[in-house]
Amino acid sequence: MKGLMIALTLFFLLNPTSYAAFEVKKFENPQHEQRYKQLVDELRCLVCQNQNLADSNSELAQDLRKQVYKMINAGQSDEEIMEFMVTRYGDFVLYRPPFKTTTFILWLGPFIIFIIGFVVLIRFIRLRKKVVITELSNDEKEKLKQLLDEDKGKDK
């Protein structure tokens, strides 16, 4: 038991994932820190795609956070930083991309799909109501009975 405890302790001490990187950034003033936090919240991680830069641990996200930090300390405005990121990585890097010809499907796509689904549902309901159940004539009933009797005879 003692050997197991020593092995587990060594495993956790020597495991590189237990030394997760924790970024500490020093800013000249609280406004720069607030801008940094706001920018990394608004920029998407290009690797994870469903996380912003602040939440992602990918190497690219770390590099982009460093880039934002450097640009803020260099005195660049938020607009300049966003323009740099969009120029380099495209509108996909933004969590809220602007409405323009290249992103209109992104903005209107869910509404278009909803409308198409609604129209299909309405047509399906209307067609379902138009289905008329008809009774078989006596001749048709007799033919059906004969066919079923023949089929039963073949099964035996």
N, C-alpha and C. Protein backbone atom coordinates (compact mmCIF):
# COMPACT_ATOMS: atom_id res chain seq x y z
N MET A 1 0.83 -1.20 0.00
CA MET A 1 0.00 0.00 0.00
C MET A 1 0.87 1.26 0.00
N LYS A 2 1.95 1.20 0.79
CA LYS A 2 2.85 2.35 0.87
C LYS A 2 3.51 2.61 -0.48
N GLY A 3 3.87 1.51 -1.18
CA GLY A 3 4.48 1.63 -2.50
C GLY A 3 3.52 2.26 -3.50
N LEU A 4 2.23 1.91 -3.40
CA LEU A 4 1.21 2.49 -4.29
C LEU A 4 1.08 3.99 -4.05
N MET A 5 1.10 4.39 -2.79
CA MET A 5 0.99 5.82 -2.45
C MET A 5 2.20 6.60 -2.99
N ILE A 6 3.37 6.01 -2.89
CA ILE A 6 4.59 6.67 -3.39
C ILE A 6 4.52 6.78 -4.91
N ALA A 7 4.07 5.71 -5.57
CA ALA A 7 3.96 5.71 -7.03
C ALA A 7 2.96 6.77 -7.50
N LEU A 8 1.81 6.86 -6.84
CA LEU A 8 0.81 7.87 -7.21
C LEU A 8 1.33 9.28 -6.98
N THR A 9 2.03 9.47 -5.87
CA THR A 9 2.59 10.80 -5.58
C THR A 9 3.60 11.19 -6.64
N LEU A 10 4.47 10.27 -7.00
CA LEU A 10 5.46 10.56 -8.05
C LEU A 10 4.79 10.82 -9.39
N PHE A 11 3.74 10.05 -9.70
CA PHE A 11 3.03 10.25 -10.96
C PHE A 11 2.46 11.66 -11.04
N PHE A 12 1.81 12.10 -9.98
CA PHE A 12 1.20 13.43 -10.01
C PHE A 12 2.23 14.55 -9.96
N LEU A 13 3.36 14.31 -9.32
CA LEU A 13 4.41 15.34 -9.27
C LEU A 13 5.16 15.46 -10.59
N LEU A 14 5.33 14.34 -11.27
CA LEU A 14 6.09 14.35 -12.52
C LEU A 14 5.23 14.49 -13.76
N ASN A 15 3.92 14.45 -13.61
CA ASN A 15 2.99 14.56 -14.74
C ASN A 15 2.98 16.00 -15.25
N PRO A 16 3.33 16.22 -16.53
CA PRO A 16 3.39 17.60 -17.05
C PRO A 16 2.03 18.30 -17.08
N THR A 17 0.94 17.55 -17.16
CA THR A 17 -0.37 18.21 -17.19
C THR A 17 -0.74 18.79 -15.84
N SER A 18 -0.08 18.33 -14.78
CA SER A 18 -0.38 18.89 -13.47
C SER A 18 0.22 20.28 -13.31
N TYR A 19 1.10 20.66 -14.22
CA TYR A 19 1.68 22.00 -14.19
C TYR A 19 1.03 22.86 -15.27
N ALA A 20 -0.27 22.96 -15.24
CA ALA A 20 -1.01 23.71 -16.25
C ALA A 20 -0.55 25.16 -16.24
N ALA A 21 -0.45 25.70 -17.43
CA ALA A 21 0.02 27.08 -17.56
C ALA A 21 -1.06 28.04 -17.08
N PHE A 22 -0.64 28.95 -16.26
CA PHE A 22 -1.55 29.98 -15.78
C PHE A 22 -0.93 31.31 -16.16
N GLU A 23 -1.57 32.01 -17.04
CA GLU A 23 -1.00 33.24 -17.57
C GLU A 23 -1.24 34.40 -16.60
N VAL A 24 -0.16 35.08 -16.29
CA VAL A 24 -0.27 36.27 -15.46
C VAL A 24 0.19 37.44 -16.31
N LYS A 25 -0.67 38.39 -16.48
CA LYS A 25 -0.36 39.55 -17.31
C LYS A 25 -0.38 40.80 -16.42
N LYS A 26 0.60 41.62 -16.59
CA LYS A 26 0.66 42.87 -15.83
C LYS A 26 0.35 44.02 -16.78
N PHE A 27 -0.56 44.86 -16.36
CA PHE A 27 -0.99 45.98 -17.18
C PHE A 27 -0.60 47.29 -16.52
N GLU A 28 -0.46 48.30 -17.37
CA GLU A 28 -0.09 49.63 -16.87
C GLU A 28 -1.19 50.23 -16.01
N ASN A 29 -2.44 49.98 -16.41
CA ASN A 29 -3.56 50.53 -15.65
C ASN A 29 -4.76 49.59 -15.77
N PRO A 30 -5.76 49.77 -14.92
CA PRO A 30 -6.93 48.89 -14.95
C PRO A 30 -7.73 48.96 -16.26
N GLN A 31 -7.67 50.10 -16.96
CA GLN A 31 -8.39 50.22 -18.23
C GLN A 31 -7.82 49.25 -19.27
N HIS A 32 -6.49 49.11 -19.30
CA HIS A 32 -5.87 48.18 -20.24
C HIS A 32 -6.26 46.75 -19.91
N GLU A 33 -6.32 46.43 -18.64
CA GLU A 33 -6.72 45.09 -18.23
C GLU A 33 -8.18 44.82 -18.62
N GLN A 34 -9.03 45.81 -18.44
CA GLN A 34 -10.44 45.66 -18.81
C GLN A 34 -10.59 45.48 -20.32
N ARG A 35 -9.84 46.26 -21.09
CA ARG A 35 -9.86 46.12 -22.55
C ARG A 35 -9.40 44.73 -22.96
N TYR A 36 -8.33 44.25 -22.33
CA TYR A 36 -7.79 42.91 -22.64
C TYR A 36 -8.86 41.85 -22.40
N LYS A 37 -9.50 41.91 -21.23
CA LYS A 37 -10.53 40.93 -20.89
C LYS A 37 -11.69 40.98 -21.88
N GLN A 38 -12.08 42.19 -22.26
CA GLN A 38 -13.19 42.34 -23.20
C GLN A 38 -12.82 41.79 -24.58
N LEU A 39 -11.61 42.07 -25.03
CA LEU A 39 -11.18 41.60 -26.36
C LEU A 39 -11.06 40.07 -26.41
N VAL A 40 -10.46 39.46 -25.40
CA VAL A 40 -10.31 38.00 -25.44
C VAL A 40 -11.64 37.30 -25.25
N ASP A 41 -12.63 38.01 -24.69
CA ASP A 41 -13.98 37.44 -24.61
C ASP A 41 -14.71 37.53 -25.94
N GLU A 42 -14.39 38.52 -26.76
CA GLU A 42 -15.07 38.72 -28.04
C GLU A 42 -14.43 37.98 -29.20
N LEU A 43 -13.22 37.49 -29.01
CA LEU A 43 -12.52 36.78 -30.09
C LEU A 43 -12.65 35.28 -29.89
N ARG A 44 -12.91 34.57 -30.99
CA ARG A 44 -13.14 33.12 -30.98
C ARG A 44 -11.81 32.38 -31.12
N CYS A 45 -11.69 31.27 -30.41
CA CYS A 45 -10.54 30.39 -30.60
C CYS A 45 -10.73 29.66 -31.93
N LEU A 46 -9.78 29.74 -32.80
CA LEU A 46 -9.90 29.14 -34.12
C LEU A 46 -9.71 27.63 -34.09
N VAL A 47 -9.14 27.11 -33.02
CA VAL A 47 -8.97 25.66 -32.89
C VAL A 47 -10.21 25.04 -32.27
N CYS A 48 -10.65 25.61 -31.16
CA CYS A 48 -11.82 25.05 -30.43
C CYS A 48 -13.13 25.40 -31.14
N GLN A 49 -13.24 26.56 -31.67
CA GLN A 49 -14.37 27.09 -32.44
C GLN A 49 -15.62 27.35 -31.60
N ASN A 50 -15.74 26.74 -30.44
CA ASN A 50 -16.92 27.02 -29.63
C ASN A 50 -16.53 27.70 -28.33
N GLN A 51 -15.29 28.14 -28.24
CA GLN A 51 -14.81 28.85 -27.06
C GLN A 51 -14.17 30.16 -27.48
N ASN A 52 -14.20 31.10 -26.56
CA ASN A 52 -13.49 32.34 -26.84
C ASN A 52 -12.03 32.18 -26.42
N LEU A 53 -11.22 33.19 -26.69
CA LEU A 53 -9.80 33.10 -26.36
C LEU A 53 -9.57 32.99 -24.86
N ALA A 54 -10.43 33.62 -24.08
CA ALA A 54 -10.26 33.60 -22.63
C ALA A 54 -10.45 32.19 -22.07
N ASP A 55 -11.33 31.40 -22.66
CA ASP A 55 -11.65 30.08 -22.13
C ASP A 55 -10.81 28.95 -22.71
N SER A 56 -10.16 29.20 -23.82
CA SER A 56 -9.44 28.13 -24.52
C SER A 56 -8.03 27.96 -23.99
N ASN A 57 -7.57 26.71 -23.99
CA ASN A 57 -6.20 26.41 -23.56
C ASN A 57 -5.32 25.97 -24.73
N SER A 58 -5.81 26.11 -25.95
CA SER A 58 -5.01 25.69 -27.10
C SER A 58 -3.81 26.62 -27.27
N GLU A 59 -2.80 26.11 -27.95
CA GLU A 59 -1.59 26.91 -28.16
C GLU A 59 -1.88 28.16 -29.00
N LEU A 60 -2.74 28.02 -29.99
CA LEU A 60 -3.09 29.17 -30.82
C LEU A 60 -3.78 30.23 -29.98
N ALA A 61 -4.69 29.81 -29.10
CA ALA A 61 -5.38 30.78 -28.24
C ALA A 61 -4.38 31.49 -27.32
N GLN A 62 -3.41 30.75 -26.82
CA GLN A 62 -2.38 31.37 -25.98
C GLN A 62 -1.59 32.40 -26.78
N ASP A 63 -1.23 32.04 -28.02
CA ASP A 63 -0.49 32.98 -28.88
C ASP A 63 -1.33 34.22 -29.19
N LEU A 64 -2.61 34.02 -29.47
CA LEU A 64 -3.47 35.17 -29.77
C LEU A 64 -3.67 36.06 -28.55
N ARG A 65 -3.77 35.46 -27.36
CA ARG A 65 -3.86 36.27 -26.14
C ARG A 65 -2.59 37.10 -25.95
N LYS A 66 -1.43 36.49 -26.22
CA LYS A 66 -0.16 37.22 -26.12
C LYS A 66 -0.14 38.37 -27.12
N GLN A 67 -0.64 38.11 -28.33
CA GLN A 67 -0.67 39.15 -29.36
C GLN A 67 -1.56 40.31 -28.93
N VAL A 68 -2.73 40.00 -28.40
CA VAL A 68 -3.64 41.06 -27.92
C VAL A 68 -2.98 41.84 -26.80
N TYR A 69 -2.32 41.14 -25.89
CA TYR A 69 -1.63 41.80 -24.77
C TYR A 69 -0.55 42.77 -25.29
N LYS A 70 0.25 42.29 -26.25
CA LYS A 70 1.30 43.13 -26.82
C LYS A 70 0.72 44.36 -27.52
N MET A 71 -0.35 44.16 -28.26
CA MET A 71 -0.95 45.26 -29.01
C MET A 71 -1.57 46.30 -28.07
N ILE A 72 -2.15 45.85 -26.98
CA ILE A 72 -2.71 46.80 -25.99
C ILE A 72 -1.58 47.59 -25.36
N ASN A 73 -0.50 46.91 -24.98
CA ASN A 73 0.64 47.62 -24.38
C ASN A 73 1.35 48.52 -25.37
N ALA A 74 1.21 48.22 -26.67
CA ALA A 74 1.82 49.07 -27.70
C ALA A 74 0.97 50.31 -27.97
N GLY A 75 -0.20 50.38 -27.33
CA GLY A 75 -1.04 51.56 -27.47
C GLY A 75 -2.05 51.50 -28.61
N GLN A 76 -2.28 50.33 -29.17
CA GLN A 76 -3.25 50.22 -30.26
C GLN A 76 -4.67 50.20 -29.69
N SER A 77 -5.59 50.72 -30.48
CA SER A 77 -6.99 50.78 -30.06
C SER A 77 -7.66 49.42 -30.25
N ASP A 78 -8.83 49.28 -29.65
CA ASP A 78 -9.60 48.04 -29.81
C ASP A 78 -9.92 47.79 -31.28
N GLU A 79 -10.28 48.85 -32.00
CA GLU A 79 -10.62 48.72 -33.42
C GLU A 79 -9.42 48.24 -34.22
N GLU A 80 -8.23 48.74 -33.91
CA GLU A 80 -7.03 48.31 -34.62
C GLU A 80 -6.72 46.84 -34.34
N ILE A 81 -6.91 46.44 -33.11
CA ILE A 81 -6.65 45.04 -32.74
C ILE A 81 -7.64 44.12 -33.44
N MET A 82 -8.93 44.49 -33.42
CA MET A 82 -9.95 43.68 -34.10
C MET A 82 -9.70 43.64 -35.60
N GLU A 83 -9.33 44.76 -36.19
CA GLU A 83 -9.04 44.81 -37.63
C GLU A 83 -7.86 43.89 -37.96
N PHE A 84 -6.83 43.91 -37.13
CA PHE A 84 -5.67 43.03 -37.32
C PHE A 84 -6.10 41.57 -37.30
N MET A 85 -6.91 41.19 -36.31
CA MET A 85 -7.35 39.80 -36.18
C MET A 85 -8.24 39.38 -37.36
N VAL A 86 -9.14 40.26 -37.78
CA VAL A 86 -10.02 39.94 -38.90
C VAL A 86 -9.22 39.85 -40.20
N THR A 87 -8.28 40.75 -40.39
CA THR A 87 -7.44 40.71 -41.59
C THR A 87 -6.65 39.42 -41.65
N ARG A 88 -6.15 39.00 -40.52
CA ARG A 88 -5.31 37.82 -40.47
C ARG A 88 -6.11 36.51 -40.49
N TYR A 89 -7.25 36.46 -39.78
CA TYR A 89 -7.98 35.20 -39.62
C TYR A 89 -9.38 35.20 -40.21
N GLY A 90 -9.86 36.32 -40.69
CA GLY A 90 -11.19 36.39 -41.27
C GLY A 90 -12.25 36.68 -40.22
N ASP A 91 -13.48 36.86 -40.68
CA ASP A 91 -14.58 37.20 -39.79
C ASP A 91 -14.90 36.08 -38.80
N PHE A 92 -14.45 34.87 -39.08
CA PHE A 92 -14.74 33.75 -38.20
C PHE A 92 -14.14 33.94 -36.81
N VAL A 93 -13.09 34.75 -36.70
CA VAL A 93 -12.45 34.97 -35.41
C VAL A 93 -13.34 35.79 -34.46
N LEU A 94 -14.36 36.43 -35.00
CA LEU A 94 -15.27 37.23 -34.18
C LEU A 94 -16.46 36.40 -33.74
N TYR A 95 -16.85 36.55 -32.48
CA TYR A 95 -18.06 35.87 -32.02
C TYR A 95 -19.31 36.52 -32.59
N ARG A 96 -19.25 37.81 -32.86
CA ARG A 96 -20.37 38.53 -33.46
C ARG A 96 -19.90 39.17 -34.76
N PRO A 97 -19.81 38.37 -35.83
CA PRO A 97 -19.33 38.93 -37.10
C PRO A 97 -20.30 39.98 -37.63
N PRO A 98 -19.80 40.95 -38.38
CA PRO A 98 -20.68 41.99 -38.93
C PRO A 98 -21.58 41.42 -40.02
N PHE A 99 -22.71 42.07 -40.21
CA PHE A 99 -23.64 41.66 -41.27
C PHE A 99 -23.15 42.25 -42.59
N LYS A 100 -22.70 41.40 -43.49
CA LYS A 100 -22.27 41.84 -44.81
C LYS A 100 -22.47 40.68 -45.78
N THR A 101 -22.13 40.87 -47.04
CA THR A 101 -22.44 39.87 -48.06
C THR A 101 -21.78 38.52 -47.78
N THR A 102 -20.62 38.52 -47.18
CA THR A 102 -19.94 37.25 -46.92
C THR A 102 -20.46 36.54 -45.67
N THR A 103 -21.22 37.24 -44.83
CA THR A 103 -21.71 36.61 -43.60
C THR A 103 -23.23 36.59 -43.49
N PHE A 104 -23.94 36.98 -44.57
CA PHE A 104 -25.39 37.05 -44.45
C PHE A 104 -26.02 35.67 -44.23
N ILE A 105 -25.42 34.61 -44.79
CA ILE A 105 -25.94 33.26 -44.56
C ILE A 105 -25.81 32.89 -43.08
N LEU A 106 -24.72 33.31 -42.48
CA LEU A 106 -24.51 33.05 -41.06
C LEU A 106 -25.60 33.69 -40.22
N TRP A 107 -26.00 34.89 -40.59
CA TRP A 107 -27.01 35.61 -39.83
C TRP A 107 -28.43 35.18 -40.18
N LEU A 108 -28.70 34.98 -41.47
CA LEU A 108 -30.06 34.68 -41.91
C LEU A 108 -30.36 33.19 -42.02
N GLY A 109 -29.32 32.36 -42.05
CA GLY A 109 -29.49 30.92 -42.22
C GLY A 109 -30.48 30.28 -41.26
N PRO A 110 -30.38 30.52 -39.97
CA PRO A 110 -31.35 29.90 -39.05
C PRO A 110 -32.79 30.32 -39.33
N PHE A 111 -33.01 31.57 -39.68
CA PHE A 111 -34.37 32.03 -40.00
C PHE A 111 -34.89 31.39 -41.28
N ILE A 112 -34.02 31.28 -42.27
CA ILE A 112 -34.41 30.65 -43.54
C ILE A 112 -34.77 29.18 -43.31
N ILE A 113 -33.96 28.48 -42.54
CA ILE A 113 -34.24 27.07 -42.25
C ILE A 113 -35.55 26.95 -41.48
N PHE A 114 -35.80 27.84 -40.52
CA PHE A 114 -37.05 27.81 -39.77
C PHE A 114 -38.25 28.03 -40.69
N ILE A 115 -38.16 28.99 -41.58
CA ILE A 115 -39.28 29.29 -42.49
C ILE A 115 -39.53 28.11 -43.42
N ILE A 116 -38.47 27.52 -43.97
CA ILE A 116 -38.63 26.36 -44.85
C ILE A 116 -39.29 25.20 -44.09
N GLY A 117 -38.82 24.94 -42.88
CA GLY A 117 -39.41 23.88 -42.06
C GLY A 117 -40.88 24.14 -41.76
N PHE A 118 -41.22 25.40 -41.48
CA PHE A 118 -42.61 25.76 -41.19
C PHE A 118 -43.49 25.55 -42.42
N VAL A 119 -43.01 25.95 -43.59
CA VAL A 119 -43.78 25.78 -44.83
C VAL A 119 -43.98 24.29 -45.12
N VAL A 120 -42.94 23.49 -44.95
CA VAL A 120 -43.05 22.05 -45.18
C VAL A 120 -44.05 21.44 -44.21
N LEU A 121 -44.03 21.85 -42.95
CA LEU A 121 -44.96 21.34 -41.95
C LEU A 121 -46.40 21.69 -42.31
N ILE A 122 -46.65 22.93 -42.72
CA ILE A 122 -48.00 23.36 -43.10
C ILE A 122 -48.49 22.56 -44.30
N ARG A 123 -47.64 22.38 -45.31
CA ARG A 123 -48.04 21.60 -46.50
C ARG A 123 -48.35 20.16 -46.13
N PHE A 124 -47.53 19.59 -45.26
CA PHE A 124 -47.76 18.21 -44.82
C PHE A 124 -49.10 18.09 -44.11
N ILE A 125 -49.41 19.04 -43.25
CA ILE A 125 -50.68 19.00 -42.52
C ILE A 125 -51.86 19.16 -43.48
N ARG A 126 -51.76 20.07 -44.43
CA ARG A 126 -52.84 20.28 -45.39
C ARG A 126 -53.05 19.05 -46.28
N LEU A 127 -51.96 18.44 -46.74
CA LEU A 127 -52.09 17.25 -47.58
C LEU A 127 -52.67 16.08 -46.78
N ARG A 128 -52.35 16.02 -45.54
CA ARG A 128 -52.86 14.94 -44.70
C ARG A 128 -54.36 15.04 -44.53
N LYS A 129 -54.86 16.27 -44.45
CA LYS A 129 -56.30 16.46 -44.31
C LYS A 129 -57.05 16.11 -45.59
N LYS A 130 -56.39 16.22 -46.75
CA LYS A 130 -57.04 15.97 -48.03
C LYS A 130 -57.16 14.48 -48.35
N VAL A 131 -56.51 13.63 -47.60
CA VAL A 131 -56.56 12.20 -47.88
C VAL A 131 -57.98 11.72 -47.60
N VAL A 132 -58.57 11.08 -48.61
CA VAL A 132 -59.94 10.60 -48.51
C VAL A 132 -59.91 9.08 -48.43
N ILE A 133 -60.58 8.56 -47.43
CA ILE A 133 -60.65 7.10 -47.28
C ILE A 133 -61.88 6.63 -48.03
N THR A 134 -61.66 5.75 -48.98
CA THR A 134 -62.79 5.25 -49.78
C THR A 134 -63.07 3.80 -49.43
N GLU A 135 -64.29 3.44 -49.55
CA GLU A 135 -64.72 2.06 -49.30
C GLU A 135 -64.51 1.25 -50.58
N LEU A 136 -64.21 -0.01 -50.40
CA LEU A 136 -64.07 -0.90 -51.55
C LEU A 136 -65.46 -1.33 -52.03
N SER A 137 -65.57 -1.45 -53.32
CA SER A 137 -66.83 -1.95 -53.87
C SER A 137 -66.94 -3.45 -53.58
N ASN A 138 -68.11 -4.01 -53.79
CA ASN A 138 -68.31 -5.44 -53.54
C ASN A 138 -67.42 -6.30 -54.43
N ASP A 139 -67.25 -5.90 -55.71
CA ASP A 139 -66.37 -6.63 -56.62
C ASP A 139 -64.92 -6.61 -56.13
N GLU A 140 -64.48 -5.44 -55.67
CA GLU A 140 -63.11 -5.31 -55.17
C GLU A 140 -62.91 -6.14 -53.90
N LYS A 141 -63.92 -6.16 -53.04
CA LYS A 141 -63.83 -6.97 -51.82
C LYS A 141 -63.72 -8.45 -52.17
N GLU A 142 -64.48 -8.87 -53.16
CA GLU A 142 -64.46 -10.27 -53.58
C GLU A 142 -63.09 -10.64 -54.16
N LYS A 143 -62.52 -9.77 -55.00
CA LYS A 143 -61.19 -10.02 -55.58
C LYS A 143 -60.13 -10.08 -54.47
N LEU A 144 -60.23 -9.20 -53.50
CA LEU A 144 -59.28 -9.18 -52.39
C LEU A 144 -59.38 -10.47 -51.58
N LYS A 145 -60.59 -10.93 -51.35
CA LYS A 145 -60.78 -12.17 -50.61
C LYS A 145 -60.17 -13.35 -51.36
N GLN A 146 -60.36 -13.38 -52.68
CA GLN A 146 -59.79 -14.46 -53.49
C GLN A 146 -58.26 -14.43 -53.43
N LEU A 147 -57.67 -13.25 -53.53
CA LEU A 147 -56.22 -13.13 -53.48
C LEU A 147 -55.67 -13.58 -52.12
N LEU A 148 -56.35 -13.20 -51.07
CA LEU A 148 -55.91 -13.61 -49.73
C LEU A 148 -56.05 -15.11 -49.54
N ASP A 149 -57.12 -15.70 -50.06
CA ASP A 149 -57.29 -17.14 -49.96
C ASP A 149 -56.20 -17.89 -50.73
N GLU A 150 -55.85 -17.37 -51.93
CA GLU A 150 -54.77 -17.97 -52.72
C GLU A 150 -53.45 -17.88 -51.98
N ASP A 151 -53.22 -16.72 -51.35
CA ASP A 151 -51.96 -16.52 -50.63
C ASP A 151 -51.86 -17.45 -49.42
N LYS A 152 -52.99 -17.69 -48.75
CA LYS A 152 -53.00 -18.60 -47.60
C LYS A 152 -52.73 -20.01 -48.06
N GLY A 153 -53.25 -20.37 -49.23
CA GLY A 153 -53.03 -21.71 -49.76
C GLY A 153 -51.55 -21.93 -50.10
N LYS A 154 -50.86 -20.93 -50.56
CA LYS A 154 -49.44 -21.06 -50.93
C LYS A 154 -48.57 -21.18 -49.68
N ASP A 155 -48.98 -20.54 -48.59
CA ASP A 155 -48.19 -20.58 -47.36
C ASP A 155 -48.19 -21.95 -46.71
N LYS A 156 -49.25 -22.72 -46.94
CA LYS A 156 -49.34 -24.06 -46.30
C LYS A 156 -48.53 -25.02 -47.06
